[in-house]
Amino acid sequence: MKHLFILLAALTLSLSLNAQNRPRREFSPEEVATKQAMELREKIENITDQQYEQIYAIYLWRAQESKAERDSIMATAKEGERPRMDREKMMQRENVVTDALKLILDEKQYAAYEKIQQERRQHARRPRIPRVQESPQGGFAE
């Protein structure tokens, strides 16, 4: 019985370590744009096919720009340095998307979009639990 418990503990530990080391799946800009446009279509009523196509095109543009910037930053990042996106460029992209959506959506649809964005901002501002990492000296550090 004791051996079974040790075996189970070792298996659980190895699975959790393997899951942490698994590389993140990289989504293509087309996949990102499709997912975001479909999500918006589900949450906002009466989006026409024409509106959907325009929204998809805007989201595709944003995803392509973001990927190009991310690839550029990753290519120029120094060893051990944490790459950082340019917040100014990100905000400019978001403003372009917002302005385009104002033109595509009617007033009621745009109000629903604004409500969705506000809920996302509120969710993003929730306090987070700090990560506990293993320190180089052994033990754990916050």
C-alpha atoms as a PDB file:
ATOM      1  CA  MET A   1       0.000   0.000   0.000  1.00  0.00           C
ATOM      2  CA  LYS A   2       2.851   2.338   0.866  1.00  0.00           C
ATOM      3  CA  HIS A   3       4.517   1.643  -2.495  1.00  0.00           C
ATOM      4  CA  LEU A   4       1.277   2.365  -4.325  1.00  0.00           C
ATOM      5  CA  PHE A   5       0.994   5.750  -2.593  1.00  0.00           C
ATOM      6  CA  ILE A   6       4.593   6.652  -3.480  1.00  0.00           C
ATOM      7  CA  LEU A   7       4.061   5.559  -7.081  1.00  0.00           C
ATOM      8  CA  LEU A   8       0.897   7.662  -7.345  1.00  0.00           C
ATOM      9  CA  ALA A   9       2.648  10.709  -5.851  1.00  0.00           C
ATOM     10  CA  ALA A  10       5.572  10.337  -8.267  1.00  0.00           C
ATOM     11  CA  LEU A  11       3.230   9.973 -11.237  1.00  0.00           C
ATOM     12  CA  THR A  12       1.237  13.054 -10.223  1.00  0.00           C
ATOM     13  CA  LEU A  13       4.401  15.083  -9.774  1.00  0.00           C
ATOM     14  CA  SER A  14       5.834  14.027 -13.121  1.00  0.00           C
ATOM     15  CA  LEU A  15       2.581  14.854 -14.928  1.00  0.00           C
ATOM     16  CA  SER A  16       2.383  18.307 -13.371  1.00  0.00           C
ATOM     17  CA  LEU A  17       6.014  19.060 -14.208  1.00  0.00           C
ATOM     18  CA  ASN A  18       5.487  17.872 -17.771  1.00  0.00           C
ATOM     19  CA  ALA A  19       2.418  20.102 -18.137  1.00  0.00           C
ATOM     20  CA  GLN A  20       4.389  23.150 -16.979  1.00  0.00           C
ATOM     21  CA  ASN A  21       7.172  22.572 -19.504  1.00  0.00           C
ATOM     22  CA  ARG A  22       4.853  22.096 -22.456  1.00  0.00           C
ATOM     23  CA  PRO A  23       5.289  24.885 -25.016  1.00  0.00           C
ATOM     24  CA  ARG A  24       2.341  27.202 -25.485  1.00  0.00           C
ATOM     25  CA  ARG A  25       0.373  26.692 -28.657  1.00  0.00           C
ATOM     26  CA  GLU A  26       0.876  29.555 -31.054  1.00  0.00           C
ATOM     27  CA  PHE A  27      -2.351  30.581 -32.772  1.00  0.00           C
ATOM     28  CA  SER A  28      -2.266  32.035 -36.273  1.00  0.00           C
ATOM     29  CA  PRO A  29      -3.656  35.552 -36.815  1.00  0.00           C
ATOM     30  CA  GLU A  30      -6.507  33.967 -38.798  1.00  0.00           C
ATOM     31  CA  GLU A  31      -7.448  31.712 -35.865  1.00  0.00           C
ATOM     32  CA  VAL A  32      -7.322  34.629 -33.438  1.00  0.00           C
ATOM     33  CA  ALA A  33      -9.453  36.856 -35.688  1.00  0.00           C
ATOM     34  CA  THR A  34     -12.017  34.113 -36.300  1.00  0.00           C
ATOM     35  CA  LYS A  35     -12.350  33.357 -32.583  1.00  0.00           C
ATOM     36  CA  GLN A  36     -12.708  37.024 -31.621  1.00  0.00           C
ATOM     37  CA  ALA A  37     -15.180  37.827 -34.399  1.00  0.00           C
ATOM     38  CA  MET A  38     -17.306  34.769 -33.572  1.00  0.00           C
ATOM     39  CA  GLU A  39     -17.271  35.669 -29.879  1.00  0.00           C
ATOM     40  CA  LEU A  40     -18.462  39.185 -30.690  1.00  0.00           C
ATOM     41  CA  ARG A  41     -21.142  37.812 -33.011  1.00  0.00           C
ATOM     42  CA  GLU A  42     -22.419  35.559 -30.205  1.00  0.00           C
ATOM     43  CA  LYS A  43     -22.510  38.349 -27.625  1.00  0.00           C
ATOM     44  CA  ILE A  44     -24.018  41.113 -29.749  1.00  0.00           C
ATOM     45  CA  GLU A  45     -27.423  40.649 -31.312  1.00  0.00           C
ATOM     46  CA  ASN A  46     -28.256  41.134 -34.993  1.00  0.00           C
ATOM     47  CA  ILE A  47     -24.768  41.290 -36.473  1.00  0.00           C
ATOM     48  CA  THR A  48     -25.203  40.832 -40.199  1.00  0.00           C
ATOM     49  CA  ASP A  49     -22.919  38.744 -42.391  1.00  0.00           C
ATOM     50  CA  GLN A  50     -21.507  41.933 -43.913  1.00  0.00           C
ATOM     51  CA  GLN A  51     -20.749  43.364 -40.460  1.00  0.00           C
ATOM     52  CA  TYR A  52     -19.159  40.067 -39.446  1.00  0.00           C
ATOM     53  CA  GLU A  53     -16.848  40.130 -42.490  1.00  0.00           C
ATOM     54  CA  GLN A  54     -15.775  43.700 -41.693  1.00  0.00           C
ATOM     55  CA  ILE A  55     -15.212  42.876 -38.021  1.00  0.00           C
ATOM     56  CA  TYR A  56     -13.185  39.811 -39.011  1.00  0.00           C
ATOM     57  CA  ALA A  57     -11.032  41.957 -41.326  1.00  0.00           C
ATOM     58  CA  ILE A  58     -10.325  44.452 -38.527  1.00  0.00           C
ATOM     59  CA  TYR A  59      -9.490  41.716 -36.036  1.00  0.00           C
ATOM     60  CA  LEU A  60      -7.287  39.992 -38.618  1.00  0.00           C
ATOM     61  CA  TRP A  61      -5.372  43.226 -39.209  1.00  0.00           C
ATOM     62  CA  ARG A  62      -4.879  43.684 -35.445  1.00  0.00           C
ATOM     63  CA  ALA A  63      -3.734  40.073 -34.984  1.00  0.00           C
ATOM     64  CA  GLN A  64      -1.254  40.334 -37.880  1.00  0.00           C
ATOM     65  CA  GLU A  65       0.170  43.610 -36.554  1.00  0.00           C
ATOM     66  CA  SER A  66       0.481  42.205 -33.043  1.00  0.00           C
ATOM     67  CA  LYS A  67       2.187  39.041 -34.279  1.00  0.00           C
ATOM     68  CA  ALA A  68       4.644  41.048 -36.398  1.00  0.00           C
ATOM     69  CA  GLU A  69       5.519  43.245 -33.412  1.00  0.00           C
ATOM     70  CA  ARG A  70       5.822  40.233 -31.075  1.00  0.00           C
ATOM     71  CA  ASP A  71       8.079  38.409 -33.560  1.00  0.00           C
ATOM     72  CA  SER A  72      10.253  41.498 -33.945  1.00  0.00           C
ATOM     73  CA  ILE A  73      10.595  41.943 -30.179  1.00  0.00           C
ATOM     74  CA  MET A  74      11.404  38.257 -29.659  1.00  0.00           C
ATOM     75  CA  ALA A  75      14.057  38.382 -32.387  1.00  0.00           C
ATOM     76  CA  THR A  76      15.807  41.383 -30.844  1.00  0.00           C
ATOM     77  CA  ALA A  77      15.454  40.387 -27.169  1.00  0.00           C
ATOM     78  CA  LYS A  78      18.727  39.672 -25.430  1.00  0.00           C
ATOM     79  CA  GLU A  79      19.375  36.364 -23.682  1.00  0.00           C
ATOM     80  CA  GLY A  80      17.694  36.329 -20.280  1.00  0.00           C
ATOM     81  CA  GLU A  81      15.853  39.583 -20.957  1.00  0.00           C
ATOM     82  CA  ARG A  82      12.078  39.657 -20.684  1.00  0.00           C
ATOM     83  CA  PRO A  83      10.678  41.050 -23.935  1.00  0.00           C
ATOM     84  CA  ARG A  84       8.093  43.836 -23.537  1.00  0.00           C
ATOM     85  CA  MET A  85       5.485  44.982 -26.024  1.00  0.00           C
ATOM     86  CA  ASP A  86       5.252  48.696 -26.790  1.00  0.00           C
ATOM     87  CA  ARG A  87       2.185  49.876 -24.862  1.00  0.00           C
ATOM     88  CA  GLU A  88       1.852  52.979 -27.042  1.00  0.00           C
ATOM     89  CA  LYS A  89       1.589  50.911 -30.227  1.00  0.00           C
ATOM     90  CA  MET A  90      -0.888  48.543 -28.595  1.00  0.00           C
ATOM     91  CA  MET A  91      -3.104  51.447 -27.543  1.00  0.00           C
ATOM     92  CA  GLN A  92      -2.953  52.949 -31.032  1.00  0.00           C
ATOM     93  CA  ARG A  93      -4.040  49.597 -32.523  1.00  0.00           C
ATOM     94  CA  GLU A  94      -6.919  49.342 -30.056  1.00  0.00           C
ATOM     95  CA  ASN A  95      -8.021  52.899 -30.909  1.00  0.00           C
ATOM     96  CA  VAL A  96      -8.059  52.037 -34.614  1.00  0.00           C
ATOM     97  CA  VAL A  97     -10.147  48.921 -33.901  1.00  0.00           C
ATOM     98  CA  THR A  98     -12.558  50.876 -31.695  1.00  0.00           C
ATOM     99  CA  ASP A  99     -12.961  53.648 -34.281  1.00  0.00           C
ATOM    100  CA  ALA A 100     -13.607  51.092 -37.026  1.00  0.00           C
ATOM    101  CA  LEU A 101     -16.184  49.246 -34.916  1.00  0.00           C
ATOM    102  CA  LYS A 102     -17.988  52.557 -34.299  1.00  0.00           C
ATOM    103  CA  LEU A 103     -18.421  52.835 -38.055  1.00  0.00           C
ATOM    104  CA  ILE A 104     -19.500  49.207 -38.569  1.00  0.00           C
ATOM    105  CA  LEU A 105     -21.895  48.657 -35.660  1.00  0.00           C
ATOM    106  CA  ASP A 106     -25.138  50.554 -35.123  1.00  0.00           C
ATOM    107  CA  GLU A 107     -25.691  52.500 -31.867  1.00  0.00           C
ATOM    108  CA  LYS A 108     -27.332  49.625 -29.984  1.00  0.00           C
ATOM    109  CA  GLN A 109     -24.681  47.130 -31.089  1.00  0.00           C
ATOM    110  CA  TYR A 110     -21.854  49.528 -30.245  1.00  0.00           C
ATOM    111  CA  ALA A 111     -23.347  50.120 -26.777  1.00  0.00           C
ATOM    112  CA  ALA A 112     -23.315  46.350 -26.242  1.00  0.00           C
ATOM    113  CA  TYR A 113     -19.688  46.233 -27.434  1.00  0.00           C
ATOM    114  CA  GLU A 114     -18.745  48.995 -24.965  1.00  0.00           C
ATOM    115  CA  LYS A 115     -20.437  47.078 -22.151  1.00  0.00           C
ATOM    116  CA  ILE A 116     -18.446  43.940 -23.050  1.00  0.00           C
ATOM    117  CA  GLN A 117     -15.206  45.944 -23.065  1.00  0.00           C
ATOM    118  CA  GLN A 118     -16.033  47.521 -19.704  1.00  0.00           C
ATOM    119  CA  GLU A 119     -16.663  44.081 -18.177  1.00  0.00           C
ATOM    120  CA  ARG A 120     -13.310  42.872 -19.533  1.00  0.00           C
ATOM    121  CA  ARG A 121     -11.527  45.872 -18.017  1.00  0.00           C
ATOM    122  CA  GLN A 122     -13.183  45.203 -14.647  1.00  0.00           C
ATOM    123  CA  HIS A 123     -12.162  41.556 -14.810  1.00  0.00           C
ATOM    124  CA  ALA A 124      -8.569  42.513 -15.662  1.00  0.00           C
ATOM    125  CA  ARG A 125      -8.312  44.787 -12.621  1.00  0.00           C
ATOM    126  CA  ARG A 126      -9.060  42.071 -10.084  1.00  0.00           C
ATOM    127  CA  PRO A 127      -6.241  41.518  -7.632  1.00  0.00           C
ATOM    128  CA  ARG A 128      -4.231  38.440  -8.450  1.00  0.00           C
ATOM    129  CA  ILE A 129      -2.612  35.928  -6.173  1.00  0.00           C
ATOM    130  CA  PRO A 130       1.181  36.358  -6.358  1.00  0.00           C
ATOM    131  CA  ARG A 131       3.117  33.487  -7.869  1.00  0.00           C
ATOM    132  CA  VAL A 132       5.401  31.489  -5.649  1.00  0.00           C
ATOM    133  CA  GLN A 133       8.607  30.528  -7.391  1.00  0.00           C
ATOM    134  CA  GLU A 134      11.473  28.391  -6.309  1.00  0.00           C
ATOM    135  CA  SER A 135      14.463  30.560  -5.461  1.00  0.00           C
ATOM    136  CA  PRO A 136      17.953  29.740  -6.807  1.00  0.00           C
ATOM    137  CA  GLN A 137      19.190  29.107  -3.246  1.00  0.00           C
ATOM    138  CA  GLY A 138      16.532  26.472  -2.659  1.00  0.00           C
ATOM    139  CA  GLY A 139      13.212  26.882  -0.938  1.00  0.00           C
ATOM    140  CA  PHE A 140      10.536  29.220  -2.217  1.00  0.00           C
ATOM    141  CA  ALA A 141      10.438  32.947  -2.781  1.00  0.00           C
ATOM    142  CA  GLU A 142       7.608  35.256  -3.712  1.00  0.00           C
END
